[in-house]
PDB file of N, CA and C in Angstrom:
ATOM      1  N   MET A   1       0.881  -1.058   0.024  1.00  0.00           N
ATOM      2  CA  MET A   1      -0.040  -0.047  -0.084  1.00  0.00           C
ATOM      3  C   MET A   1       0.854   1.254   0.033  1.00  0.00           C
ATOM      4  N   GLU A   2       0.532   2.101  -1.045  1.00  0.00           N
ATOM      5  CA  GLU A   2       1.563   3.413  -1.099  1.00  0.00           C
ATOM      6  C   GLU A   2       0.520   4.422  -0.954  1.00  0.00           C
ATOM      7  N   VAL A   3       1.022   5.456  -0.011  1.00  0.00           N
ATOM      8  CA  VAL A   3       0.297   6.476   0.433  1.00  0.00           C
ATOM      9  C   VAL A   3       1.077   7.925  -0.299  1.00  0.00           C
ATOM     10  N   ASP A   4       0.344   8.585  -1.101  1.00  0.00           N
ATOM     11  CA  ASP A   4       0.922   9.833  -1.683  1.00  0.00           C
ATOM     12  C   ASP A   4       0.499  11.034  -0.706  1.00  0.00           C
ATOM     13  N   VAL A   5       1.472  11.505  -0.239  1.00  0.00           N
ATOM     14  CA  VAL A   5       1.189  12.859   0.734  1.00  0.00           C
ATOM     15  C   VAL A   5       1.812  13.980   0.082  1.00  0.00           C
ATOM     16  N   LEU A   6       0.948  14.949  -0.277  1.00  0.00           N
ATOM     17  CA  LEU A   6       1.458  16.196  -0.771  1.00  0.00           C
ATOM     18  C   LEU A   6       2.017  17.112   0.337  1.00  0.00           C
ATOM     19  N   ALA A   7       3.163  17.645   0.410  1.00  0.00           N
ATOM     20  CA  ALA A   7       3.744  18.347   1.167  1.00  0.00           C
ATOM     21  C   ALA A   7       3.044  19.892   0.887  1.00  0.00           C
ATOM     22  N   GLN A   8       2.655  20.554   1.796  1.00  0.00           N
ATOM     23  CA  GLN A   8       2.128  21.804   1.702  1.00  0.00           C
ATOM     24  C   GLN A   8       3.229  22.912   2.310  1.00  0.00           C
ATOM     25  N   LYS A   9       3.481  23.902   1.536  1.00  0.00           N
ATOM     26  CA  LYS A   9       4.330  24.755   1.819  1.00  0.00           C
ATOM     27  C   LYS A   9       3.738  25.904   2.866  1.00  0.00           C
ATOM     28  N   LYS A  10       4.343  26.353   4.132  1.00  0.00           N
ATOM     29  CA  LYS A  10       3.605  27.135   4.836  1.00  0.00           C
ATOM     30  C   LYS A  10       4.474  28.323   5.092  1.00  0.00           C
ATOM     31  N   ALA A  11       3.716  29.558   5.224  1.00  0.00           N
ATOM     32  CA  ALA A  11       4.177  30.806   5.375  1.00  0.00           C
ATOM     33  C   ALA A  11       3.625  31.531   6.487  1.00  0.00           C
ATOM     34  N   ALA A  12       4.275  32.416   7.154  1.00  0.00           N
ATOM     35  CA  ALA A  12       3.974  33.173   8.213  1.00  0.00           C
ATOM     36  C   ALA A  12       3.381  34.549   7.797  1.00  0.00           C
ATOM     37  N   LEU A  13       2.367  35.088   8.637  1.00  0.00           N
ATOM     38  CA  LEU A  13       1.994  36.517   8.391  1.00  0.00           C
ATOM     39  C   LEU A  13       2.607  37.310   9.626  1.00  0.00           C
ATOM     40  N   ALA A  14       3.636  38.302   9.334  1.00  0.00           N
ATOM     41  CA  ALA A  14       4.111  39.176  10.259  1.00  0.00           C
ATOM     42  C   ALA A  14       3.441  40.466  10.326  1.00  0.00           C
ATOM     43  N   CYS A  15       3.327  41.009  11.466  1.00  0.00           N
ATOM     44  CA  CYS A  15       2.918  42.317  11.610  1.00  0.00           C
ATOM     45  C   CYS A  15       3.736  43.276  11.075  1.00  0.00           C
ATOM     46  N   SER A  16       3.283  44.392  10.229  1.00  0.00           N
ATOM     47  CA  SER A  16       4.144  45.374   9.774  1.00  0.00           C
ATOM     48  C   SER A  16       4.586  46.330  10.763  1.00  0.00           C
ATOM     49  N   VAL A  17       4.002  46.479  12.006  1.00  0.00           N
ATOM     50  CA  VAL A  17       4.203  47.528  12.985  1.00  0.00           C
ATOM     51  C   VAL A  17       5.289  46.806  14.006  1.00  0.00           C
ATOM     52  N   CYS A  18       5.046  45.738  14.578  1.00  0.00           N
ATOM     53  CA  CYS A  18       5.846  45.188  15.691  1.00  0.00           C
ATOM     54  C   CYS A  18       6.779  44.151  15.068  1.00  0.00           C
ATOM     55  N   GLY A  19       6.350  43.392  13.947  1.00  0.00           N
ATOM     56  CA  GLY A  19       7.171  42.322  13.383  1.00  0.00           C
ATOM     57  C   GLY A  19       6.844  40.884  14.051  1.00  0.00           C
ATOM     58  N   SER A  20       5.994  40.866  14.724  1.00  0.00           N
ATOM     59  CA  SER A  20       5.646  39.453  15.256  1.00  0.00           C
ATOM     60  C   SER A  20       4.779  38.700  14.300  1.00  0.00           C
ATOM     61  N   ARG A  21       5.116  37.390  14.238  1.00  0.00           N
ATOM     62  CA  ARG A  21       4.520  36.534  13.481  1.00  0.00           C
ATOM     63  C   ARG A  21       3.319  35.789  13.994  1.00  0.00           C
ATOM     64  N   ASN A  22       2.147  36.417  13.867  1.00  0.00           N
ATOM     65  CA  ASN A  22       0.852  35.884  14.496  1.00  0.00           C
ATOM     66  C   ASN A  22       0.228  34.953  13.846  1.00  0.00           C
ATOM     67  N   TYR A  23       0.214  34.763  12.541  1.00  0.00           N
ATOM     68  CA  TYR A  23      -0.585  33.877  11.712  1.00  0.00           C
ATOM     69  C   TYR A  23       0.322  32.966  10.863  1.00  0.00           C
ATOM     70  N   THR A  24      -0.204  31.721  10.593  1.00  0.00           N
ATOM     71  CA  THR A  24       0.403  30.941   9.539  1.00  0.00           C
ATOM     72  C   THR A  24      -0.657  30.595   8.433  1.00  0.00           C
ATOM     73  N   ILE A  25      -0.156  30.305   7.246  1.00  0.00           N
ATOM     74  CA  ILE A  25      -1.050  30.128   6.038  1.00  0.00           C
ATOM     75  C   ILE A  25      -0.377  29.095   5.244  1.00  0.00           C
ATOM     76  N   THR A  26      -1.069  28.390   4.427  1.00  0.00           N
ATOM     77  CA  THR A  26      -0.558  27.441   3.395  1.00  0.00           C
ATOM     78  C   THR A  26      -0.324  28.382   2.150  1.00  0.00           C
ATOM     79  N   ALA A  27       0.881  28.299   1.736  1.00  0.00           N
ATOM     80  CA  ALA A  27       1.177  29.171   0.762  1.00  0.00           C
ATOM     81  C   ALA A  27       0.819  28.427  -0.818  1.00  0.00           C
ATOM     82  N   ASN A  28       0.454  29.178  -1.595  1.00  0.00           N
ATOM     83  CA  ASN A  28       0.290  28.872  -3.144  1.00  0.00           C
ATOM     84  C   ASN A  28       1.422  29.134  -3.909  1.00  0.00           C
ATOM     85  N   PRO A  29       2.091  28.048  -4.330  1.00  0.00           N
ATOM     86  CA  PRO A  29       3.163  28.148  -5.163  1.00  0.00           C
ATOM     87  C   PRO A  29       3.161  29.012  -6.429  1.00  0.00           C
ATOM     88  N   ASN A  30       1.999  29.087  -6.944  1.00  0.00           N
ATOM     89  CA  ASN A  30       1.595  29.692  -8.310  1.00  0.00           C
ATOM     90  C   ASN A  30       1.726  31.246  -8.154  1.00  0.00           C
ATOM     91  N   ARG A  31       1.351  31.705  -7.062  1.00  0.00           N
ATOM     92  CA  ARG A  31       1.450  33.268  -6.597  1.00  0.00           C
ATOM     93  C   ARG A  31       2.741  33.807  -6.565  1.00  0.00           C
ATOM     94  N   SER A  32       2.910  34.960  -7.113  1.00  0.00           N
ATOM     95  CA  SER A  32       4.295  35.541  -7.493  1.00  0.00           C
ATOM     96  C   SER A  32       4.320  36.679  -6.355  1.00  0.00           C
ATOM     97  N   GLU A  33       3.328  37.232  -6.026  1.00  0.00           N
ATOM     98  CA  GLU A  33       3.543  38.522  -5.061  1.00  0.00           C
ATOM     99  C   GLU A  33       3.172  37.888  -3.641  1.00  0.00           C
ATOM    100  N   ARG A  34       3.723  38.627  -2.582  1.00  0.00           N
ATOM    101  CA  ARG A  34       3.381  38.337  -1.379  1.00  0.00           C
ATOM    102  C   ARG A  34       2.063  38.835  -0.747  1.00  0.00           C
ATOM    103  N   LEU A  35       1.383  38.195  -0.021  1.00  0.00           N
ATOM    104  CA  LEU A  35       0.024  38.497   0.668  1.00  0.00           C
ATOM    105  C   LEU A  35       0.331  39.478   1.621  1.00  0.00           C
ATOM    106  N   GLU A  36      -0.779  40.275   1.574  1.00  0.00           N
ATOM    107  CA  GLU A  36      -0.885  41.719   2.654  1.00  0.00           C
ATOM    108  C   GLU A  36      -2.403  41.665   3.127  1.00  0.00           C
ATOM    109  N   ILE A  37      -2.603  41.351   4.514  1.00  0.00           N
ATOM    110  CA  ILE A  37      -4.082  41.175   4.836  1.00  0.00           C
ATOM    111  C   ILE A  37      -4.058  42.130   6.251  1.00  0.00           C
ATOM    112  N   LYS A  38      -5.106  42.800   6.239  1.00  0.00           N
ATOM    113  CA  LYS A  38      -5.257  43.568   7.593  1.00  0.00           C
ATOM    114  C   LYS A  38      -5.875  42.587   8.559  1.00  0.00           C
ATOM    115  N   LYS A  39      -5.059  42.244   9.658  1.00  0.00           N
ATOM    116  CA  LYS A  39      -5.491  41.270  10.622  1.00  0.00           C
ATOM    117  C   LYS A  39      -5.216  42.000  12.075  1.00  0.00           C
ATOM    118  N   TYR A  40      -5.903  41.156  13.122  1.00  0.00           N
ATOM    119  CA  TYR A  40      -5.611  41.804  14.419  1.00  0.00           C
ATOM    120  C   TYR A  40      -4.322  41.195  14.958  1.00  0.00           C
ATOM    121  N   CYS A  41      -3.551  42.078  15.582  1.00  0.00           N
ATOM    122  CA  CYS A  41      -2.322  41.863  16.218  1.00  0.00           C
ATOM    123  C   CYS A  41      -2.373  41.809  17.795  1.00  0.00           C
ATOM    124  N   LYS A  42      -2.097  40.732  18.320  1.00  0.00           N
ATOM    125  CA  LYS A  42      -2.511  40.733  19.818  1.00  0.00           C
ATOM    126  C   LYS A  42      -1.337  41.462  20.654  1.00  0.00           C
ATOM    127  N   HIS A  43      -0.331  41.725  19.874  1.00  0.00           N
ATOM    128  CA  HIS A  43       0.904  42.412  20.641  1.00  0.00           C
ATOM    129  C   HIS A  43       0.407  43.917  20.526  1.00  0.00           C
ATOM    130  N   CYS A  44       0.096  44.512  19.457  1.00  0.00           N
ATOM    131  CA  CYS A  44      -0.229  45.935  19.277  1.00  0.00           C
ATOM    132  C   CYS A  44      -1.507  46.352  19.685  1.00  0.00           C
ATOM    133  N   GLN A  45      -2.411  45.288  19.986  1.00  0.00           N
ATOM    134  CA  GLN A  45      -3.758  45.272  20.272  1.00  0.00           C
ATOM    135  C   GLN A  45      -4.626  46.096  19.346  1.00  0.00           C
ATOM    136  N   LYS A  46      -4.311  46.155  18.089  1.00  0.00           N
ATOM    137  CA  LYS A  46      -5.326  46.763  17.040  1.00  0.00           C
ATOM    138  C   LYS A  46      -5.106  46.131  15.663  1.00  0.00           C
ATOM    139  N   TYR A  47      -5.811  46.266  14.717  1.00  0.00           N
ATOM    140  CA  TYR A  47      -5.787  45.777  13.431  1.00  0.00           C
ATOM    141  C   TYR A  47      -4.536  46.515  12.541  1.00  0.00           C
ATOM    142  N   THR A  48      -3.580  45.737  12.024  1.00  0.00           N
ATOM    143  CA  THR A  48      -2.634  46.081  11.283  1.00  0.00           C
ATOM    144  C   THR A  48      -2.402  45.356  10.146  1.00  0.00           C
ATOM    145  N   ILE A  49      -1.623  45.879   9.197  1.00  0.00           N
ATOM    146  CA  ILE A  49      -1.259  45.220   7.994  1.00  0.00           C
ATOM    147  C   ILE A  49      -0.293  44.066   8.289  1.00  0.00           C
ATOM    148  N   HIS A  50      -0.619  42.822   8.052  1.00  0.00           N
ATOM    149  CA  HIS A  50       0.203  41.602   8.036  1.00  0.00           C
ATOM    150  C   HIS A  50       0.738  41.289   6.755  1.00  0.00           C
ATOM    151  N   LYS A  51       2.010  41.091   6.548  1.00  0.00           N
ATOM    152  CA  LYS A  51       2.720  40.687   5.354  1.00  0.00           C
ATOM    153  C   LYS A  51       3.172  39.238   5.339  1.00  0.00           C
ATOM    154  N   GLU A  52       3.095  38.589   4.391  1.00  0.00           N
ATOM    155  CA  GLU A  52       3.506  37.202   4.281  1.00  0.00           C
ATOM    156  C   GLU A  52       5.136  36.906   4.255  1.00  0.00           C
ATOM    157  N   THR A  53       5.705  36.241   5.138  1.00  0.00           N
ATOM    158  CA  THR A  53       7.140  35.847   5.291  1.00  0.00           C
ATOM    159  C   THR A  53       7.318  34.386   4.735  1.00  0.00           C
ATOM    160  N   LYS A  54       8.710  34.130   4.792  1.00  0.00           N
ATOM    161  CA  LYS A  54       8.978  32.670   4.350  1.00  0.00           C
ATOM    162  C   LYS A  54       8.890  31.740   5.522  1.00  0.00           C
TER     163      LYS A  54
END
């Protein structure tokens, strides 16, 4: 019995204000630009822009 397991690439979302990596996502390898989302940062205690890191 063979099991094919596809490895998914993971990327972290880091706060652009304090730099803490608060969220992880599964990265799409076909995308060329880095993701930027406005999400809640528990360290800054407000909504800030989070950018995709490696």
